[in-house]
C-alpha atoms as a PDB file:
ATOM      1  CA  MET A   1       0.000   0.000   0.000  1.00  0.00           C
ATOM      2  CA  CYS A   2       1.351   3.418  -0.969  1.00  0.00           C
ATOM      3  CA  TYR A   3      -1.115   5.831   0.723  1.00  0.00           C
ATOM      4  CA  LYS A   4      -3.938   5.735   3.249  1.00  0.00           C
ATOM      5  CA  ASP A   5      -6.112   8.648   4.385  1.00  0.00           C
ATOM      6  CA  GLY A   6      -6.091   9.817   7.927  1.00  0.00           C
ATOM      7  CA  PRO A   7      -9.120  11.279   9.635  1.00  0.00           C
ATOM      8  CA  GLU A   8      -8.819  14.423   7.563  1.00  0.00           C
ATOM      9  CA  LEU A   9      -9.595  14.642   3.938  1.00  0.00           C
ATOM     10  CA  PRO A  10      -6.518  14.766   1.710  1.00  0.00           C
ATOM     11  CA  LEU A  11      -5.604  17.748  -0.347  1.00  0.00           C
ATOM     12  CA  LEU A  12      -7.206  17.929  -3.692  1.00  0.00           C
ATOM     13  CA  ASN A  13      -3.797  17.948  -5.336  1.00  0.00           C
ATOM     14  CA  PHE A  14      -1.137  15.913  -3.629  1.00  0.00           C
ATOM     15  CA  THR A  15       1.796  13.643  -4.537  1.00  0.00           C
ATOM     16  CA  THR A  16       2.763  10.396  -2.929  1.00  0.00           C
ATOM     17  CA  ASN A  17       5.834   8.331  -3.708  1.00  0.00           C
ATOM     18  CA  CYS A  18       5.106   4.738  -4.533  1.00  0.00           C
ATOM     19  CA  ILE A  19       8.145   2.541  -5.234  1.00  0.00           C
ATOM     20  CA  ARG A  20       6.574  -0.742  -6.240  1.00  0.00           C
ATOM     21  CA  TYR A  21       6.613  -3.117  -9.161  1.00  0.00           C
ATOM     22  CA  GLY A  22       3.437  -4.279 -10.844  1.00  0.00           C
ATOM     23  CA  ARG A  23       1.053  -4.031 -13.785  1.00  0.00           C
ATOM     24  CA  TYR A  24      -1.895  -2.209 -12.269  1.00  0.00           C
ATOM     25  CA  VAL A  25      -2.708   0.864 -10.150  1.00  0.00           C
ATOM     26  CA  ILE A  26      -5.735   0.173  -7.871  1.00  0.00           C
ATOM     27  CA  TYR A  27      -7.735   2.753  -5.924  1.00  0.00           C
ATOM     28  CA  TYR A  28     -10.397   1.819  -3.422  1.00  0.00           C
ATOM     29  CA  ASN A  29     -12.319   3.264  -0.465  1.00  0.00           C
ATOM     30  CA  GLU A  30     -12.311   1.270   2.708  1.00  0.00           C
ATOM     31  CA  ARG A  31     -15.524   0.933   4.772  1.00  0.00           C
ATOM     32  CA  LEU A  32     -15.061  -1.790   7.321  1.00  0.00           C
ATOM     33  CA  SER A  33     -18.007  -3.292   9.176  1.00  0.00           C
ATOM     34  CA  GLY A  34     -18.143  -2.393  12.865  1.00  0.00           C
ATOM     35  CA  VAL A  35     -15.796   0.575  12.496  1.00  0.00           C
ATOM     36  CA  THR A  36     -17.057   4.070  13.434  1.00  0.00           C
ATOM     37  CA  TYR A  37     -15.777   6.636  10.988  1.00  0.00           C
ATOM     38  CA  PRO A  38     -15.533  10.390  11.690  1.00  0.00           C
ATOM     39  CA  GLU A  39     -18.597  12.556  11.329  1.00  0.00           C
ATOM     40  CA  GLY A  40     -19.009  13.707   7.804  1.00  0.00           C
ATOM     41  CA  TYR A  41     -17.869  10.442   6.278  1.00  0.00           C
ATOM     42  CA  GLU A  42     -20.400   9.152   3.852  1.00  0.00           C
ATOM     43  CA  SER A  43     -21.560   5.612   4.227  1.00  0.00           C
ATOM     44  CA  MET A  44     -20.875   5.255   0.572  1.00  0.00           C
ATOM     45  CA  SER A  45     -17.711   6.799  -0.816  1.00  0.00           C
ATOM     46  CA  TYR A  46     -16.839   7.878  -4.276  1.00  0.00           C
ATOM     47  CA  ILE A  47     -13.598   8.629  -6.050  1.00  0.00           C
ATOM     48  CA  GLN A  48     -13.319  11.035  -8.838  1.00  0.00           C
ATOM     49  CA  LEU A  49     -10.045  10.259 -10.572  1.00  0.00           C
ATOM     50  CA  CYS A  50      -9.034  13.096 -12.787  1.00  0.00           C
ATOM     51  CA  GLU A  51      -5.568  11.997 -13.839  1.00  0.00           C
ATOM     52  CA  VAL A  52      -2.995   9.399 -12.855  1.00  0.00           C
ATOM     53  CA  VAL A  53       0.514   9.688 -14.211  1.00  0.00           C
ATOM     54  CA  VAL A  54       2.930   6.825 -13.680  1.00  0.00           C
ATOM     55  CA  GLU A  55       6.390   7.685 -14.923  1.00  0.00           C
ATOM     56  CA  ALA A  56       9.659   5.774 -14.634  1.00  0.00           C
ATOM     57  CA  CYS A  57      13.042   7.391 -15.015  1.00  0.00           C
ATOM     58  CA  PRO A  58      14.254   7.594 -18.585  1.00  0.00           C
ATOM     59  CA  ASN A  59      16.890   5.071 -19.644  1.00  0.00           C
ATOM     60  CA  GLY A  60      20.261   6.006 -18.269  1.00  0.00           C
ATOM     61  CA  SER A  61      19.035   7.517 -14.999  1.00  0.00           C
ATOM     62  CA  TYR A  62      17.576   6.260 -11.742  1.00  0.00           C
ATOM     63  CA  GLY A  63      16.762   7.097  -8.147  1.00  0.00           C
ATOM     64  CA  HIS A  64      15.115  10.072  -6.476  1.00  0.00           C
ATOM     65  CA  GLU A  65      13.817  12.447  -9.100  1.00  0.00           C
ATOM     66  CA  CYS A  66      15.926  10.450 -11.577  1.00  0.00           C
ATOM     67  CA  LYS A  67      18.971  12.528 -10.709  1.00  0.00           C
ATOM     68  CA  SER A  68      21.424   9.637 -10.649  1.00  0.00           C
ATOM     69  CA  LYS A  69      23.062   8.365 -13.799  1.00  0.00           C
ATOM     70  CA  CYS A  70      23.441   4.695 -14.625  1.00  0.00           C
ATOM     71  CA  SER A  71      27.027   3.459 -14.883  1.00  0.00           C
ATOM     72  CA  GLY A  72      26.634   2.636 -18.554  1.00  0.00           C
ATOM     73  CA  HIS A  73      28.310  -0.723 -18.037  1.00  0.00           C
ATOM     74  CA  CYS A  74      25.297  -3.009 -17.742  1.00  0.00           C
ATOM     75  CA  LYS A  75      25.602  -6.174 -19.801  1.00  0.00           C
ATOM     76  CA  ASP A  76      24.713  -5.793 -23.498  1.00  0.00           C
ATOM     77  CA  ARG A  77      24.081  -2.069 -22.920  1.00  0.00           C
ATOM     78  CA  THR A  78      20.799  -2.747 -21.150  1.00  0.00           C
ATOM     79  CA  PRO A  79      19.504   0.141 -18.990  1.00  0.00           C
ATOM     80  CA  CYS A  80      19.959  -0.027 -15.261  1.00  0.00           C
ATOM     81  CA  ASN A  81      17.073  -0.376 -12.857  1.00  0.00           C
ATOM     82  CA  HIS A  82      15.290   3.009 -12.753  1.00  0.00           C
ATOM     83  CA  VAL A  83      14.902   2.765  -8.972  1.00  0.00           C
ATOM     84  CA  THR A  84      18.154   1.218  -7.671  1.00  0.00           C
ATOM     85  CA  GLY A  85      20.570   1.688 -10.563  1.00  0.00           C
ATOM     86  CA  GLU A  86      21.507  -2.003 -10.481  1.00  0.00           C
ATOM     87  CA  CYS A  87      22.126  -4.029 -13.615  1.00  0.00           C
ATOM     88  CA  ALA A  88      19.654  -6.895 -13.628  1.00  0.00           C
ATOM     89  CA  ARG A  89      21.634  -8.981 -16.141  1.00  0.00           C
ATOM     90  CA  GLY A  90      25.030  -8.276 -14.699  1.00  0.00           C
ATOM     91  CA  CYS A  91      27.935  -6.177 -15.923  1.00  0.00           C
ATOM     92  CA  ASN A  92      29.844  -5.854 -19.132  1.00  0.00           C
ATOM     93  CA  VAL A  93      33.258  -7.516 -19.160  1.00  0.00           C
ATOM     94  CA  GLY A  94      35.824  -5.495 -17.274  1.00  0.00           C
ATOM     95  CA  TRP A  95      33.375  -4.147 -14.695  1.00  0.00           C
ATOM     96  CA  THR A  96      32.001  -5.297 -11.372  1.00  0.00           C
ATOM     97  CA  GLY A  97      29.899  -4.146  -8.410  1.00  0.00           C
ATOM     98  CA  THR A  98      26.115  -4.012  -7.937  1.00  0.00           C
ATOM     99  CA  LEU A  99      25.995  -0.863 -10.059  1.00  0.00           C
ATOM    100  CA  CYS A 100      28.694  -2.097 -12.456  1.00  0.00           C
ATOM    101  CA  ASN A 101      30.642   1.072 -11.781  1.00  0.00           C
ATOM    102  CA  LYS A 102      33.905  -0.496 -10.583  1.00  0.00           C
ATOM    103  CA  PRO A 103      36.563  -1.410 -13.140  1.00  0.00           C
ATOM    104  CA  CYS A 104      38.534  -4.596 -12.604  1.00  0.00           C
ATOM    105  CA  ASP A 105      41.503  -4.301 -10.298  1.00  0.00           C
ATOM    106  CA  ALA A 106      44.930  -4.245 -11.907  1.00  0.00           C
ATOM    107  CA  GLY A 107      45.886  -7.749 -13.007  1.00  0.00           C
ATOM    108  CA  ARG A 108      42.317  -8.956 -13.571  1.00  0.00           C
ATOM    109  CA  PHE A 109      39.896  -8.834 -16.466  1.00  0.00           C
ATOM    110  CA  GLY A 110      36.767 -10.327 -18.018  1.00  0.00           C
ATOM    111  CA  VAL A 111      33.289 -11.187 -16.770  1.00  0.00           C
ATOM    112  CA  ASN A 112      33.005 -10.154 -13.115  1.00  0.00           C
ATOM    113  CA  CYS A 113      36.786  -9.657 -13.203  1.00  0.00           C
ATOM    114  CA  THR A 114      37.356 -13.338 -12.495  1.00  0.00           C
ATOM    115  CA  SER A 115      40.215 -13.850 -14.986  1.00  0.00           C
ATOM    116  CA  TYR A 116      43.864 -13.014 -14.342  1.00  0.00           C
ATOM    117  CA  CYS A 117      46.230 -11.195 -16.690  1.00  0.00           C
ATOM    118  CA  SER A 118      49.236 -13.187 -17.892  1.00  0.00           C
ATOM    119  CA  GLY A 119      51.631 -10.847 -16.086  1.00  0.00           C
ATOM    120  CA  HIS A 120      53.828 -10.572 -19.183  1.00  0.00           C
ATOM    121  CA  CYS A 121      52.641  -7.290 -20.687  1.00  0.00           C
ATOM    122  CA  LEU A 122      55.362  -4.889 -21.844  1.00  0.00           C
ATOM    123  CA  ASN A 123      56.833  -2.675 -19.111  1.00  0.00           C
ATOM    124  CA  ASP A 124      54.784  -4.554 -16.493  1.00  0.00           C
ATOM    125  CA  GLU A 125      51.617  -2.809 -17.672  1.00  0.00           C
ATOM    126  CA  SER A 126      48.298  -4.342 -16.620  1.00  0.00           C
ATOM    127  CA  CYS A 127      46.327  -6.072 -19.344  1.00  0.00           C
ATOM    128  CA  ASN A 128      43.153  -4.705 -20.914  1.00  0.00           C
ATOM    129  CA  LYS A 129      40.390  -5.027 -18.309  1.00  0.00           C
ATOM    130  CA  GLU A 130      37.875  -6.221 -20.881  1.00  0.00           C
ATOM    131  CA  THR A 131      39.860  -8.537 -23.172  1.00  0.00           C
ATOM    132  CA  GLY A 132      42.962  -9.418 -21.183  1.00  0.00           C
ATOM    133  CA  HIS A 133      45.098  -8.368 -24.158  1.00  0.00           C
ATOM    134  CA  CYS A 134      48.384  -6.550 -23.670  1.00  0.00           C
ATOM    135  CA  ASP A 135      47.632  -3.419 -25.694  1.00  0.00           C
ATOM    136  CA  LEU A 136      51.275  -2.269 -25.770  1.00  0.00           C
ATOM    137  CA  GLY A 137      52.671  -5.692 -26.596  1.00  0.00           C
ATOM    138  CA  CYS A 138      54.471  -8.398 -24.636  1.00  0.00           C
ATOM    139  CA  SER A 139      57.583  -8.384 -22.516  1.00  0.00           C
ATOM    140  CA  GLY A 140      60.570 -10.328 -23.804  1.00  0.00           C
ATOM    141  CA  GLY A 141      60.098 -14.068 -24.130  1.00  0.00           C
ATOM    142  CA  TYR A 142      56.329 -14.086 -24.721  1.00  0.00           C
ATOM    143  CA  ILE A 143      53.935 -13.752 -27.656  1.00  0.00           C
ATOM    144  CA  GLY A 144      50.172 -13.894 -28.309  1.00  0.00           C
ATOM    145  CA  ASP A 145      47.346 -11.445 -27.650  1.00  0.00           C
ATOM    146  CA  LEU A 146      47.403 -12.383 -23.974  1.00  0.00           C
ATOM    147  CA  CYS A 147      51.205 -12.678 -23.890  1.00  0.00           C
ATOM    148  CA  ASN A 148      50.853 -16.101 -22.330  1.00  0.00           C
ATOM    149  CA  ILE A 149      52.848 -18.133 -24.882  1.00  0.00           C
ATOM    150  CA  GLU A 150      56.571 -18.655 -24.329  1.00  0.00           C
ATOM    151  CA  CYS A 151      59.013 -18.479 -27.220  1.00  0.00           C
ATOM    152  CA  THR A 152      59.638 -21.812 -28.899  1.00  0.00           C
ATOM    153  CA  PRO A 153      62.928 -23.478 -27.884  1.00  0.00           C
ATOM    154  CA  GLY A 154      65.869 -21.873 -29.633  1.00  0.00           C
ATOM    155  CA  TRP A 155      64.384 -18.372 -29.663  1.00  0.00           C
ATOM    156  CA  PHE A 156      64.175 -15.556 -27.135  1.00  0.00           C
ATOM    157  CA  GLY A 157      63.537 -11.871 -26.486  1.00  0.00           C
ATOM    158  CA  LYS A 158      60.931  -9.351 -27.633  1.00  0.00           C
ATOM    159  CA  GLU A 159      58.510 -10.934 -30.083  1.00  0.00           C
ATOM    160  CA  CYS A 160      60.722 -14.057 -29.902  1.00  0.00           C
ATOM    161  CA  LYS A 161      62.703 -12.798 -32.887  1.00  0.00           C
ATOM    162  CA  TYR A 162      66.201 -13.542 -31.590  1.00  0.00           C
ATOM    163  CA  ARG A 163      67.854 -16.914 -32.089  1.00  0.00           C
ATOM    164  CA  CYS A 164      69.799 -18.561 -29.255  1.00  0.00           C
ATOM    165  CA  SER A 165      73.558 -18.841 -29.774  1.00  0.00           C
ATOM    166  CA  GLY A 166      73.432 -22.627 -30.054  1.00  0.00           C
ATOM    167  CA  HIS A 167      76.445 -22.884 -27.755  1.00  0.00           C
ATOM    168  CA  CYS A 168      74.731 -23.627 -24.440  1.00  0.00           C
ATOM    169  CA  ALA A 169      76.216 -26.531 -22.493  1.00  0.00           C
ATOM    170  CA  GLU A 170      74.649 -29.955 -23.030  1.00  0.00           C
ATOM    171  CA  ASP A 171      72.794 -28.566 -26.071  1.00  0.00           C
ATOM    172  CA  GLU A 172      70.329 -26.893 -23.726  1.00  0.00           C
ATOM    173  CA  SER A 173      68.085 -24.185 -25.199  1.00  0.00           C
ATOM    174  CA  CYS A 174      68.759 -20.680 -23.931  1.00  0.00           C
ATOM    175  CA  ASN A 175      66.399 -18.818 -21.615  1.00  0.00           C
ATOM    176  CA  HIS A 176      63.358 -17.658 -23.605  1.00  0.00           C
ATOM    177  CA  VAL A 177      63.429 -14.206 -21.990  1.00  0.00           C
ATOM    178  CA  ASP A 178      67.054 -13.027 -22.145  1.00  0.00           C
ATOM    179  CA  GLY A 179      68.905 -15.739 -24.085  1.00  0.00           C
ATOM    180  CA  ILE A 180      71.136 -16.694 -21.160  1.00  0.00           C
ATOM    181  CA  CYS A 181      72.545 -20.233 -20.998  1.00  0.00           C
ATOM    182  CA  SER A 182      71.692 -21.245 -17.438  1.00  0.00           C
ATOM    183  CA  ARG A 183      74.115 -24.201 -17.336  1.00  0.00           C
ATOM    184  CA  GLY A 184      76.995 -22.398 -18.922  1.00  0.00           C
ATOM    185  CA  CYS A 185      78.610 -22.654 -22.351  1.00  0.00           C
ATOM    186  CA  LYS A 186      80.040 -25.381 -24.502  1.00  0.00           C
ATOM    187  CA  ASP A 187      83.818 -25.618 -24.649  1.00  0.00           C
ATOM    188  CA  GLY A 188      85.252 -22.722 -26.591  1.00  0.00           C
ATOM    189  CA  TYR A 189      82.603 -20.106 -25.725  1.00  0.00           C
ATOM    190  CA  ILE A 190      82.000 -17.569 -22.973  1.00  0.00           C
ATOM    191  CA  GLY A 191      79.485 -14.836 -22.080  1.00  0.00           C
ATOM    192  CA  HIS A 192      75.969 -14.940 -20.638  1.00  0.00           C
ATOM    193  CA  ASN A 193      74.575 -15.902 -24.036  1.00  0.00           C
ATOM    194  CA  CYS A 194      77.640 -17.961 -25.010  1.00  0.00           C
ATOM    195  CA  THR A 195      78.118 -15.939 -28.179  1.00  0.00           C
ATOM    196  CA  THR A 196      81.804 -15.070 -27.688  1.00  0.00           C
ATOM    197  CA  ALA A 197      84.486 -17.495 -28.853  1.00  0.00           C
ATOM    198  CA  CYS A 198      87.738 -17.821 -26.909  1.00  0.00           C
ATOM    199  CA  THR A 199      90.434 -15.297 -27.716  1.00  0.00           C
ATOM    200  CA  VAL A 200      93.556 -16.298 -29.636  1.00  0.00           C
ATOM    201  CA  ASN A 201      95.617 -19.053 -27.937  1.00  0.00           C
ATOM    202  CA  ARG A 202      92.797 -19.939 -25.549  1.00  0.00           C
ATOM    203  CA  TYR A 203      90.402 -22.872 -25.678  1.00  0.00           C
ATOM    204  CA  GLY A 204      88.157 -25.225 -23.720  1.00  0.00           C
ATOM    205  CA  LYS A 205      85.738 -24.801 -20.829  1.00  0.00           C
ATOM    206  CA  ASN A 206      85.383 -21.091 -20.046  1.00  0.00           C
ATOM    207  CA  CYS A 207      88.458 -20.533 -22.266  1.00  0.00           C
ATOM    208  CA  THR A 208      90.743 -21.345 -19.333  1.00  0.00           C
ATOM    209  CA  SER A 209      93.191 -23.540 -21.274  1.00  0.00           C
ATOM    210  CA  VAL A 210      96.178 -22.251 -23.261  1.00  0.00           C
ATOM    211  CA  CYS A 211      97.045 -23.566 -26.720  1.00  0.00           C
ATOM    212  CA  SER A 212     100.177 -25.712 -27.037  1.00  0.00           C
ATOM    213  CA  SER A 213     103.353 -23.872 -27.946  1.00  0.00           C
ATOM    214  CA  LYS A 214     104.055 -26.667 -30.422  1.00  0.00           C
ATOM    215  CA  CYS A 215     101.212 -25.524 -32.697  1.00  0.00           C
ATOM    216  CA  THR A 216     102.219 -23.815 -35.951  1.00  0.00           C
ATOM    217  CA  SER A 217      99.403 -21.287 -35.400  1.00  0.00           C
ATOM    218  CA  THR A 218      96.640 -20.763 -32.893  1.00  0.00           C
ATOM    219  CA  CYS A 219      94.688 -23.840 -31.876  1.00  0.00           C
ATOM    220  CA  ALA A 220      90.969 -24.532 -32.251  1.00  0.00           C
ATOM    221  CA  HIS A 221      89.080 -22.627 -29.570  1.00  0.00           C
ATOM    222  CA  THR A 222      86.907 -25.638 -28.730  1.00  0.00           C
ATOM    223  CA  ASP A 223      89.352 -28.500 -28.028  1.00  0.00           C
ATOM    224  CA  GLY A 224      92.854 -27.039 -28.562  1.00  0.00           C
ATOM    225  CA  SER A 225      93.623 -29.147 -31.630  1.00  0.00           C
ATOM    226  CA  CYS A 226      96.119 -27.720 -34.120  1.00  0.00           C
ATOM    227  CA  GLU A 227      98.718 -28.416 -36.816  1.00  0.00           C
ATOM    228  CA  CYS A 228     101.935 -29.438 -35.107  1.00  0.00           C
ATOM    229  CA  SER A 229     105.310 -27.824 -35.554  1.00  0.00           C
ATOM    230  CA  SER A 230     108.139 -29.813 -37.126  1.00  0.00           C
ATOM    231  CA  GLY A 231     109.366 -32.499 -34.782  1.00  0.00           C
ATOM    232  CA  TRP A 232     106.128 -32.787 -32.868  1.00  0.00           C
ATOM    233  CA  MET A 233     103.015 -34.922 -33.203  1.00  0.00           C
ATOM    234  CA  GLY A 234      99.942 -36.075 -31.293  1.00  0.00           C
ATOM    235  CA  SER A 235      96.297 -35.172 -31.324  1.00  0.00           C
ATOM    236  CA  PRO A 236      94.972 -32.845 -30.216  1.00  0.00           C
ATOM    237  CA  HIS A 237      97.787 -30.961 -28.462  1.00  0.00           C
ATOM    238  CA  CYS A 238     101.063 -31.836 -30.282  1.00  0.00           C
ATOM    239  CA  ASN A 239     102.445 -33.210 -27.040  1.00  0.00           C
ATOM    240  CA  LYS A 240     104.718 -35.932 -28.471  1.00  0.00           C
ATOM    241  CA  ASN A 241     108.295 -35.245 -29.592  1.00  0.00           C
ATOM    242  CA  LEU A 242     108.698 -36.876 -32.982  1.00  0.00           C
ATOM    243  CA  THR A 243     112.347 -37.909 -32.410  1.00  0.00           C
ATOM    244  CA  VAL A 244     111.569 -39.440 -29.057  1.00  0.00           C
ATOM    245  CA  ALA A 245     108.523 -41.065 -30.538  1.00  0.00           C
ATOM    246  CA  VAL A 246     110.549 -42.614 -33.394  1.00  0.00           C
ATOM    247  CA  LEU A 247     113.192 -43.922 -30.990  1.00  0.00           C
ATOM    248  CA  GLN A 248     110.533 -45.286 -28.692  1.00  0.00           C
ATOM    249  CA  ASP A 249     108.838 -46.914 -31.622  1.00  0.00           C
ATOM    250  CA  ALA A 250     112.122 -48.475 -32.793  1.00  0.00           C
ATOM    251  CA  LYS A 251     112.785 -49.658 -29.253  1.00  0.00           C
ATOM    252  CA  ASN A 252     109.361 -51.207 -29.053  1.00  0.00           C
ATOM    253  CA  ARG A 253     109.850 -52.963 -32.383  1.00  0.00           C
ATOM    254  CA  PHE A 254     113.263 -54.269 -31.274  1.00  0.00           C
ATOM    255  CA  LEU A 255     111.803 -55.562 -28.029  1.00  0.00           C
ATOM    256  CA  GLU A 256     108.979 -57.218 -29.923  1.00  0.00           C
ATOM    257  CA  LYS A 257     111.513 -58.963 -32.216  1.00  0.00           C
ATOM    258  CA  CYS A 258     113.587 -60.096 -29.249  1.00  0.00           C
ATOM    259  CA  VAL A 259     110.595 -61.523 -27.500  1.00  0.00           C
ATOM    260  CA  PHE A 260     109.459 -63.246 -30.705  1.00  0.00           C
ATOM    261  CA  LYS A 261     112.921 -64.766 -31.326  1.00  0.00           C
ATOM    262  CA  ALA A 262     113.202 -65.995 -27.741  1.00  0.00           C
ATOM    263  CA  LYS A 263     109.856 -67.707 -27.954  1.00  0.00           C
ATOM    264  CA  LYS A 264     110.806 -69.230 -31.330  1.00  0.00           C
ATOM    265  CA  ASP A 265     114.135 -70.600 -29.999  1.00  0.00           C
ATOM    266  CA  GLN A 266     112.365 -72.029 -26.983  1.00  0.00           C
ATOM    267  CA  ARG A 267     109.891 -73.913 -29.181  1.00  0.00           C
ATOM    268  CA  ARG A 268     112.704 -75.289 -31.394  1.00  0.00           C
ATOM    269  CA  LYS A 269     114.661 -76.491 -28.365  1.00  0.00           C
ATOM    270  CA  PHE A 270     111.603 -78.221 -27.007  1.00  0.00           C
ATOM    271  CA  GLN A 271     110.978 -80.003 -30.302  1.00  0.00           C
ATOM    272  CA  GLN A 272     114.596 -81.350 -30.485  1.00  0.00           C
ATOM    273  CA  GLN A 273     114.522 -83.048 -27.082  1.00  0.00           C
ATOM    274  CA  PRO A 274     114.426 -86.970 -27.272  1.00  0.00           C
ATOM    275  CA  VAL A 275     111.154 -88.564 -26.433  1.00  0.00           C
ATOM    276  CA  SER A 276     111.177 -91.278 -23.814  1.00  0.00           C
ATOM    277  CA  HIS A 277     108.728 -94.156 -24.401  1.00  0.00           C
ATOM    278  CA  GLY A 278     109.126 -95.666 -20.953  1.00  0.00           C
ATOM    279  CA  TYR A 279     110.276 -99.240 -22.054  1.00  0.00           C
ATOM    280  CA  GLY A 280     112.260-101.279 -19.572  1.00  0.00           C
END
């Protein structure tokens, strides 16, 4: 019920607020049995209804005298409730709250702000509150509209357009963000990205080994192998003196011949011994 007379007659022109939902406006006079009404009340009452105007706030506004504006973020652009300002069907993506007037907090997006940004937007920017996209692009090592896809193995950096050096230890792929080889470099390479070969006359793990002085020129930066100077041999480091090696080889051959001859003489001597048949 929106209005009920008191003992006095109402003004001929008055306004009453009636915040209700329904399809009909009903007017009636109450005359209850056994109730004594004030003098002057007719036993039969009449209503002369000149005009009834029922107006709701226009779309986009609500509340007392329609002075409040809807948020404009109701789902599918539907108008808000003309009384409360609430969005009956919920909010557009990127917005939350009973009035759909609160944008998603940083790091969240989507319907009711229930989805999380990837966290890989360029310059640590928050993603788009509606789509989750990184409007300025992705930070190094990630691609895709949501920046949630890592570079494929062998690639790194912004837009994944840089190729790894290929010199990471154990053939490991480099880090997809900065290209660093987390387990170090293969022999012959140094640097965070393992892109720098050893300097002249250096080789091996972390370039800590020095090339042999018996090389005719600098050695290979990976394993130290080289072309040997005259009088030297041996792979990979030219660490055998050729003269010594020849003498040692001749000595070994001589010893082999001596051993062979001794064994041969021993067999011949054994074969020439008389055989005893054991007859008495």
